[in-house]
Every structure is written in structure tokens, then in C-alpha cells.
N, C-alpha and C. Protein backbone atom coordinates (compact mmCIF):
# COMPACT_ATOMS: atom_id res chain seq x y z
N MET A 1 -14.86 -9.80 5.46
CA MET A 1 -14.63 -8.27 5.50
C MET A 1 -15.23 -7.65 6.69
N ALA A 2 -14.59 -6.67 7.25
CA ALA A 2 -15.21 -5.93 8.46
C ALA A 2 -16.27 -5.20 8.03
N ASP A 3 -17.16 -4.83 9.02
CA ASP A 3 -18.33 -4.06 8.98
C ASP A 3 -18.09 -2.67 8.19
N GLY A 4 -18.68 -2.62 6.89
CA GLY A 4 -18.55 -1.21 6.02
C GLY A 4 -17.34 -1.19 5.37
N GLU A 5 -16.49 -2.23 5.34
CA GLU A 5 -15.15 -2.41 4.45
C GLU A 5 -15.58 -2.35 2.98
N VAL A 6 -14.73 -1.57 2.49
CA VAL A 6 -14.79 -1.63 0.75
C VAL A 6 -13.67 -2.27 0.26
N VAL A 7 -13.89 -3.17 -0.74
CA VAL A 7 -12.38 -3.70 -1.37
C VAL A 7 -12.77 -3.62 -2.98
N VAL A 8 -11.48 -3.62 -3.34
CA VAL A 8 -11.50 -3.51 -4.91
C VAL A 8 -10.36 -4.51 -5.24
N GLU A 9 -10.44 -5.54 -6.08
CA GLU A 9 -9.37 -6.69 -6.47
C GLU A 9 -9.00 -6.17 -8.07
N ALA A 10 -7.66 -6.36 -8.24
CA ALA A 10 -7.08 -6.39 -9.58
C ALA A 10 -6.89 -7.92 -9.87
N ARG A 11 -7.02 -8.27 -11.10
CA ARG A 11 -6.74 -9.61 -11.34
C ARG A 11 -5.91 -9.66 -12.75
N ASP A 12 -5.03 -10.60 -13.20
CA ASP A 12 -4.13 -10.71 -14.27
C ASP A 12 -5.24 -11.56 -15.34
N SER A 13 -4.62 -11.75 -16.51
CA SER A 13 -5.42 -12.26 -17.62
C SER A 13 -5.75 -13.67 -17.18
N SER A 14 -5.29 -14.41 -16.27
CA SER A 14 -5.69 -15.74 -15.78
C SER A 14 -6.79 -15.75 -14.67
N GLY A 15 -6.95 -14.62 -14.27
CA GLY A 15 -8.03 -14.38 -13.19
C GLY A 15 -7.57 -14.31 -11.84
N ALA A 16 -6.21 -14.46 -11.67
CA ALA A 16 -5.56 -14.46 -10.31
C ALA A 16 -5.49 -13.26 -9.76
N VAL A 17 -5.81 -12.99 -8.40
CA VAL A 17 -5.65 -11.66 -7.75
C VAL A 17 -4.09 -11.07 -7.80
N VAL A 18 -4.00 -10.04 -8.33
CA VAL A 18 -2.52 -9.54 -8.29
C VAL A 18 -2.40 -8.27 -7.38
N GLY A 19 -3.45 -7.83 -6.89
CA GLY A 19 -3.38 -6.61 -6.06
C GLY A 19 -4.68 -6.23 -5.57
N LYS A 20 -4.89 -5.53 -4.53
CA LYS A 20 -6.13 -5.14 -3.99
C LYS A 20 -6.11 -3.68 -3.22
N ALA A 21 -7.10 -2.75 -3.17
CA ALA A 21 -7.35 -2.02 -2.22
C ALA A 21 -8.41 -1.99 -1.49
N GLY A 22 -8.26 -1.19 -0.38
CA GLY A 22 -9.56 -1.21 0.38
C GLY A 22 -9.59 -0.12 1.48
N PHE A 23 -10.72 -0.04 2.17
CA PHE A 23 -10.79 0.82 3.12
C PHE A 23 -11.64 0.24 4.37
N LYS A 24 -10.86 0.33 5.64
CA LYS A 24 -11.53 -0.28 6.71
C LYS A 24 -11.82 0.79 7.67
N PRO A 25 -13.40 1.09 7.66
CA PRO A 25 -13.75 2.29 8.77
C PRO A 25 -13.44 1.98 10.21
N GLY A 26 -12.94 2.95 10.95
CA GLY A 26 -12.82 2.84 12.50
C GLY A 26 -11.53 2.15 12.82
N VAL A 27 -10.82 1.67 11.84
CA VAL A 27 -9.29 1.21 12.19
C VAL A 27 -8.54 2.13 12.61
N LYS A 28 -7.57 1.89 13.51
CA LYS A 28 -6.48 2.89 14.05
C LYS A 28 -5.23 2.31 13.23
N PRO A 29 -4.05 3.25 13.46
CA PRO A 29 -3.01 2.91 12.52
C PRO A 29 -2.30 1.61 12.78
N GLU A 30 -2.50 1.03 13.98
CA GLU A 30 -1.82 -0.53 14.18
C GLU A 30 -2.68 -1.40 13.50
N GLY A 31 -3.58 -1.28 12.86
CA GLY A 31 -4.54 -2.17 11.81
C GLY A 31 -3.63 -2.74 10.81
N ARG A 32 -3.84 -4.02 10.18
CA ARG A 32 -3.08 -4.69 9.17
C ARG A 32 -4.13 -5.22 8.13
N SER A 33 -3.77 -4.92 6.88
CA SER A 33 -4.38 -5.70 5.88
C SER A 33 -4.46 -6.99 5.93
N SER A 34 -5.42 -7.73 5.22
CA SER A 34 -5.47 -9.02 5.57
C SER A 34 -4.46 -10.04 4.73
N LYS A 35 -3.71 -9.45 3.69
CA LYS A 35 -2.78 -10.15 3.00
C LYS A 35 -1.50 -10.52 3.55
N SER A 36 -0.95 -9.57 4.51
CA SER A 36 0.36 -9.81 5.18
C SER A 36 0.17 -10.12 6.64
N SER A 37 -1.07 -10.32 7.20
CA SER A 37 -1.22 -10.32 8.71
C SER A 37 -0.25 -11.26 9.40
N ALA A 38 0.23 -12.29 8.60
CA ALA A 38 1.06 -13.39 9.18
C ALA A 38 2.54 -13.11 9.15
N ARG A 39 2.83 -12.06 8.23
CA ARG A 39 4.28 -11.96 7.93
C ARG A 39 4.94 -10.65 8.50
N VAL A 40 6.24 -10.78 8.68
CA VAL A 40 6.96 -9.58 9.21
C VAL A 40 7.62 -9.00 7.96
N ALA A 41 7.59 -7.63 7.90
CA ALA A 41 8.08 -6.90 6.63
C ALA A 41 9.62 -7.11 6.63
N THR A 42 9.78 -7.15 5.38
CA THR A 42 11.47 -7.31 5.25
C THR A 42 11.99 -5.80 5.50
N ALA A 43 11.32 -4.81 5.03
CA ALA A 43 11.60 -3.54 5.36
C ALA A 43 10.10 -2.68 5.33
N SER A 44 10.35 -1.60 6.27
CA SER A 44 8.93 -0.72 6.28
C SER A 44 9.50 0.81 6.55
N GLY A 45 8.62 1.55 6.42
CA GLY A 45 8.77 3.01 6.78
C GLY A 45 7.50 3.66 6.69
N CYS A 46 7.56 4.83 7.43
CA CYS A 46 6.14 5.65 7.43
C CYS A 46 6.69 7.11 7.27
N ASP A 47 5.60 7.78 6.73
CA ASP A 47 5.76 9.29 6.62
C ASP A 47 4.45 9.92 7.06
N SER A 48 4.52 11.07 7.88
CA SER A 48 3.43 11.87 8.52
C SER A 48 3.28 13.04 7.69
N GLY A 49 3.63 13.37 6.43
CA GLY A 49 3.51 14.51 5.58
C GLY A 49 2.06 15.16 5.78
N GLY A 50 1.86 16.29 5.99
CA GLY A 50 0.56 17.00 5.76
C GLY A 50 -0.31 16.47 7.05
N GLY A 51 0.02 15.86 8.13
CA GLY A 51 -0.69 15.22 9.16
C GLY A 51 -1.37 14.18 8.88
N ARG A 52 -1.26 13.36 7.54
CA ARG A 52 -1.83 11.99 7.26
C ARG A 52 -0.83 11.10 7.16
N ASP A 53 -0.74 10.11 8.09
CA ASP A 53 0.06 9.20 8.06
C ASP A 53 0.08 8.07 6.76
N ALA A 54 1.16 7.72 6.21
CA ALA A 54 1.03 6.67 5.00
C ALA A 54 2.33 5.84 5.47
N CYS A 55 2.20 4.64 5.22
CA CYS A 55 3.38 3.61 5.43
C CYS A 55 3.58 2.57 4.22
N ILE A 56 4.91 2.18 4.12
CA ILE A 56 5.11 1.21 3.18
C ILE A 56 5.74 -0.04 3.71
N TYR A 57 5.46 -1.17 3.10
CA TYR A 57 5.92 -2.51 3.62
C TYR A 57 6.40 -3.43 2.42
N VAL A 58 7.52 -3.83 2.40
CA VAL A 58 7.98 -4.70 1.50
C VAL A 58 8.44 -5.99 2.07
N TYR A 59 8.26 -7.05 1.40
CA TYR A 59 8.51 -8.49 1.79
C TYR A 59 9.18 -9.07 0.58
N GLY A 60 10.37 -9.68 0.90
CA GLY A 60 11.15 -10.28 -0.27
C GLY A 60 12.44 -10.67 0.28
N ASP A 61 13.36 -10.67 -0.47
CA ASP A 61 14.70 -11.21 -0.15
C ASP A 61 15.81 -10.59 -1.19
N GLY A 62 16.74 -9.97 -0.31
CA GLY A 62 17.77 -9.10 -1.14
C GLY A 62 17.01 -8.17 -2.30
N LEU A 63 17.33 -8.46 -3.35
CA LEU A 63 16.84 -7.45 -4.56
C LEU A 63 15.40 -7.72 -4.93
N TYR A 64 14.87 -8.78 -4.56
CA TYR A 64 13.64 -9.37 -4.99
C TYR A 64 12.54 -9.10 -4.02
N ILE A 65 11.48 -8.35 -4.66
CA ILE A 65 10.22 -8.03 -3.85
C ILE A 65 8.98 -8.86 -4.18
N ASP A 66 8.46 -9.75 -3.28
CA ASP A 66 7.32 -10.55 -3.75
C ASP A 66 6.10 -9.88 -3.37
N LEU A 67 5.96 -9.09 -2.37
CA LEU A 67 4.79 -8.34 -2.10
C LEU A 67 5.23 -6.94 -1.59
N TRP A 68 4.46 -5.99 -1.94
CA TRP A 68 4.60 -4.45 -1.57
C TRP A 68 3.17 -4.00 -1.16
N GLU A 69 3.19 -3.48 -0.01
CA GLU A 69 1.96 -3.09 0.68
C GLU A 69 2.12 -1.77 1.18
N THR A 70 0.99 -1.02 1.34
CA THR A 70 0.90 0.52 1.69
C THR A 70 -0.38 0.51 2.44
N ARG A 71 -0.25 1.68 3.51
CA ARG A 71 -1.58 2.07 4.19
C ARG A 71 -1.35 3.33 4.52
N ALA A 72 -2.74 3.98 4.61
CA ALA A 72 -2.67 5.33 4.96
C ALA A 72 -3.92 5.56 5.88
N TYR A 73 -3.92 6.50 6.75
CA TYR A 73 -4.90 6.77 7.92
C TYR A 73 -5.67 7.98 7.68
N GLY A 74 -7.06 7.91 7.73
CA GLY A 74 -7.68 9.27 7.74
C GLY A 74 -9.11 8.95 6.94
N ASN A 75 -9.49 9.91 6.39
CA ASN A 75 -10.61 9.68 5.30
C ASN A 75 -10.71 10.95 4.44
N TRP A 76 -10.22 10.97 3.31
CA TRP A 76 -10.40 12.24 2.33
C TRP A 76 -11.09 11.82 0.97
N GLY A 77 -11.89 10.68 1.16
CA GLY A 77 -12.69 10.45 -0.09
C GLY A 77 -12.04 9.40 -1.00
N CYS A 78 -12.44 9.46 -2.18
CA CYS A 78 -11.76 8.42 -3.20
C CYS A 78 -10.22 8.60 -3.25
N SER A 79 -9.39 7.72 -3.25
CA SER A 79 -7.90 7.95 -3.21
C SER A 79 -7.39 6.75 -4.10
N THR A 80 -6.18 6.98 -4.75
CA THR A 80 -5.26 6.11 -5.44
C THR A 80 -4.10 5.76 -4.88
N ALA A 81 -3.76 4.50 -4.68
CA ALA A 81 -2.43 4.00 -4.02
C ALA A 81 -1.57 4.02 -5.18
N TYR A 82 -0.49 4.87 -5.26
CA TYR A 82 0.55 4.82 -6.34
C TYR A 82 1.80 4.02 -5.72
N TYR A 83 2.37 3.00 -6.77
CA TYR A 83 3.45 2.51 -6.22
C TYR A 83 4.53 2.89 -7.25
N GLN A 84 5.58 3.56 -6.74
CA GLN A 84 6.70 4.22 -7.46
C GLN A 84 7.96 3.48 -7.39
N ARG A 85 8.75 3.55 -8.34
CA ARG A 85 10.19 3.11 -8.52
C ARG A 85 10.93 4.02 -9.04
N ASN A 86 12.04 4.43 -8.31
CA ASN A 86 12.78 5.75 -8.76
C ASN A 86 12.04 6.91 -9.26
N GLY A 87 10.73 7.16 -8.57
CA GLY A 87 9.91 8.27 -9.20
C GLY A 87 8.84 7.92 -10.32
N ASN A 88 8.85 6.94 -10.88
CA ASN A 88 7.95 6.44 -11.86
C ASN A 88 6.88 5.45 -11.18
N VAL A 89 5.78 5.74 -11.75
CA VAL A 89 4.60 4.88 -11.22
C VAL A 89 4.67 3.45 -11.86
N VAL A 90 4.66 2.34 -11.18
CA VAL A 90 4.66 1.01 -11.60
C VAL A 90 3.30 0.19 -11.56
N ALA A 91 2.52 0.81 -10.62
CA ALA A 91 1.33 0.11 -10.38
C ALA A 91 0.41 1.07 -9.61
N SER A 92 -0.80 0.98 -9.60
CA SER A 92 -1.72 1.95 -8.88
C SER A 92 -3.27 1.13 -8.76
N TYR A 93 -3.82 1.43 -7.49
CA TYR A 93 -5.19 0.86 -7.13
C TYR A 93 -5.98 1.93 -6.64
N ARG A 94 -7.16 1.92 -6.88
CA ARG A 94 -8.00 3.25 -6.55
C ARG A 94 -9.07 2.38 -5.71
N ILE A 95 -9.62 3.16 -4.59
CA ILE A 95 -10.51 2.90 -3.54
C ILE A 95 -11.40 3.96 -3.17
N CYS A 96 -12.63 3.97 -3.00
CA CYS A 96 -13.40 5.05 -2.70
C CYS A 96 -14.40 4.48 -1.30
N PRO A 97 -13.81 5.01 -0.15
CA PRO A 97 -14.51 4.64 1.19
C PRO A 97 -16.16 4.70 1.02
N GLY A 98 -16.79 3.95 1.59
CA GLY A 98 -18.30 3.95 1.57
C GLY A 98 -18.83 4.79 2.64
N THR A 99 -18.04 5.54 3.42
CA THR A 99 -18.49 6.28 4.63
C THR A 99 -17.56 7.54 4.70
N THR A 100 -17.87 8.34 5.65
CA THR A 100 -17.23 9.55 5.83
C THR A 100 -16.40 9.48 7.36
N GLN A 101 -16.41 8.16 7.89
CA GLN A 101 -15.83 7.78 8.99
C GLN A 101 -14.22 7.48 8.84
N GLU A 102 -13.38 7.96 9.60
CA GLU A 102 -11.89 7.72 9.44
C GLU A 102 -11.69 6.35 9.76
N GLY A 103 -10.68 6.04 9.20
CA GLY A 103 -10.33 4.60 9.11
C GLY A 103 -8.95 4.28 8.28
N MET A 104 -8.53 3.08 7.83
CA MET A 104 -7.36 2.78 7.07
C MET A 104 -7.60 2.48 5.76
N TYR A 105 -7.05 3.15 4.79
CA TYR A 105 -6.91 2.79 3.27
C TYR A 105 -5.63 1.88 3.32
N TYR A 106 -5.90 0.80 2.66
CA TYR A 106 -5.00 -0.12 2.43
C TYR A 106 -4.90 -0.63 0.91
N SER A 107 -3.58 -1.06 0.43
CA SER A 107 -3.27 -1.55 -0.81
C SER A 107 -2.31 -2.75 -0.64
N TYR A 108 -2.13 -3.69 -1.55
CA TYR A 108 -1.10 -4.49 -1.89
C TYR A 108 -0.90 -4.79 -3.22
N TRP A 109 0.22 -4.98 -3.59
CA TRP A 109 0.51 -5.49 -5.06
C TRP A 109 1.74 -6.57 -4.81
N ASP A 110 1.12 -7.71 -5.62
CA ASP A 110 2.17 -8.98 -5.77
C ASP A 110 3.15 -8.59 -6.79
N ALA A 111 4.39 -7.83 -6.34
CA ALA A 111 5.31 -7.26 -7.12
C ALA A 111 6.09 -8.28 -8.28
N ASN A 112 6.60 -9.36 -7.25
CA ASN A 112 7.14 -10.47 -7.92
C ASN A 112 8.21 -10.11 -8.85
N ARG A 113 9.19 -9.35 -8.52
CA ARG A 113 10.16 -9.09 -9.55
C ARG A 113 11.38 -8.53 -8.67
N SER A 114 12.39 -8.48 -9.38
CA SER A 114 13.82 -8.15 -8.95
C SER A 114 13.92 -6.57 -9.18
N TYR A 115 14.67 -6.03 -8.35
CA TYR A 115 15.05 -4.45 -8.41
C TYR A 115 16.42 -4.46 -8.42
N HIS A 116 16.90 -3.25 -8.82
CA HIS A 116 18.33 -2.97 -8.75
C HIS A 116 18.88 -2.29 -7.49
N ASP A 117 20.21 -2.65 -7.15
CA ASP A 117 20.68 -1.99 -5.95
C ASP A 117 20.68 -0.53 -5.93
N SER A 118 20.23 0.13 -4.86
CA SER A 118 19.98 1.58 -4.77
C SER A 118 18.84 1.98 -5.45
N ASP A 119 17.76 1.29 -5.85
CA ASP A 119 16.30 1.67 -6.39
C ASP A 119 15.77 2.15 -5.02
N GLN A 120 14.93 3.16 -5.49
CA GLN A 120 14.03 3.90 -4.34
C GLN A 120 12.70 3.46 -4.72
N VAL A 121 11.95 2.66 -3.73
CA VAL A 121 10.78 2.56 -3.84
C VAL A 121 9.64 3.30 -2.78
N CYS A 122 8.59 3.92 -3.45
CA CYS A 122 7.78 4.83 -2.55
C CYS A 122 6.30 4.41 -2.77
N ASN A 123 5.57 4.87 -1.96
CA ASN A 123 4.07 4.69 -1.95
C ASN A 123 3.68 6.42 -1.78
N GLN A 124 2.29 6.72 -2.41
CA GLN A 124 1.73 7.94 -2.18
C GLN A 124 0.29 7.68 -2.52
N TRP A 125 -0.53 8.05 -1.79
CA TRP A 125 -2.12 8.25 -1.86
C TRP A 125 -2.53 9.35 -2.38
N SER A 126 -3.15 9.37 -3.32
CA SER A 126 -3.68 10.74 -3.87
C SER A 126 -4.63 11.38 -2.76
N GLY A 127 -4.50 12.76 -2.60
CA GLY A 127 -5.13 13.48 -1.58
C GLY A 127 -4.37 13.49 -0.29
N SER A 128 -3.19 12.87 -0.39
CA SER A 128 -2.26 13.07 0.90
C SER A 128 -0.85 13.56 0.24
N VAL A 129 -0.06 14.04 1.11
CA VAL A 129 1.33 14.64 0.77
C VAL A 129 2.35 13.40 1.23
N ALA A 130 1.82 12.86 2.24
CA ALA A 130 2.86 11.83 2.82
C ALA A 130 3.34 10.85 1.64
N ARG A 131 4.61 10.48 1.74
CA ARG A 131 5.36 9.64 0.61
C ARG A 131 6.37 8.91 1.39
N PRO A 132 5.73 7.80 1.96
CA PRO A 132 7.11 6.95 2.47
C PRO A 132 7.90 6.31 1.45
N CYS A 133 9.19 6.12 1.73
CA CYS A 133 10.21 5.42 0.77
C CYS A 133 11.11 4.57 1.39
N LEU A 134 11.67 3.63 0.65
CA LEU A 134 12.64 2.71 1.07
C LEU A 134 13.63 2.42 -0.11
N TRP A 135 15.09 2.31 0.30
CA TRP A 135 16.00 2.06 -0.65
C TRP A 135 16.17 0.53 -0.84
N ILE A 136 16.27 -0.09 -1.89
CA ILE A 136 16.64 -1.43 -1.96
C ILE A 136 18.05 -1.60 -1.91
N GLU A 137 18.56 -2.42 -1.23
CA GLU A 137 20.06 -2.89 -1.19
C GLU A 137 20.25 -4.19 -1.15
N ALA A 138 21.24 -4.62 -1.88
CA ALA A 138 21.79 -6.12 -2.04
C ALA A 138 22.25 -6.64 -0.52
């Protein structure tokens, strides 16, 4: 972990990590979380609503998403990353930075599921109006 980084992991009943949220102080928008650093996103997008940039990254094939990631930049205290499908929250992870220094909020979820053609997937962080979205297409 980077100096001052805060990380929270989510585990399934077998103990496997299925999601993570973190905050890296001092990281600029081009920074990447550790889960996907060697992969190229299948689809991605960003939104700078309210002056707070947030991005969505999905990895998969066709209608199948195996990894879904989001990042936001700044520092507005504790925040929850919401993963939304067609407007409904399907997963969420909360992180509280251990500093007031600006940096990168990040979260990933091992979605490992198929979606329908024309489903809309979005991310939103509590405390930010930015809401990047993507459309799933076959």
C-alpha cells in the first residue's frame, strides 16, 4: 500500500475478496487501483459533475462483466461507491480517508455476471454528483 493509503475489503462466505474500496492520498487522476493495473478496460467513461471527476471501468466480453471498477478524485470525507444497474444499487463499498489531503477514491467489484443488452451501468460516490454511466451492448 502507498503511504497513507486506506483500504477496506469485502469477502464472500468462503473468505475470497469480492470487492475493495480505498483512498490513495496525493494521487492524480491518471492513477490506477491495484486490481486492474495490467488490464485495458473493455469500456470506460468519466463524468465531472459538480467539479468532482468520477470514472467507470468495466472488463468483460459481450454482455458478461467480470470486473467493474470506479474512481473519483478529491477528498470530501467518508464516501460510498455505489454500483448501479438500470438505476438500482447492486453493490456498494464505503471508505473513509485517513487524511484531508486530496487524492483518489477507488473501488472494484468482481461482478462476474451477465447483463442484458441495453442495460445501463453507472457509478456514483456519496458526496459527489458525478455519475459516469455505460450502456451494455451485445
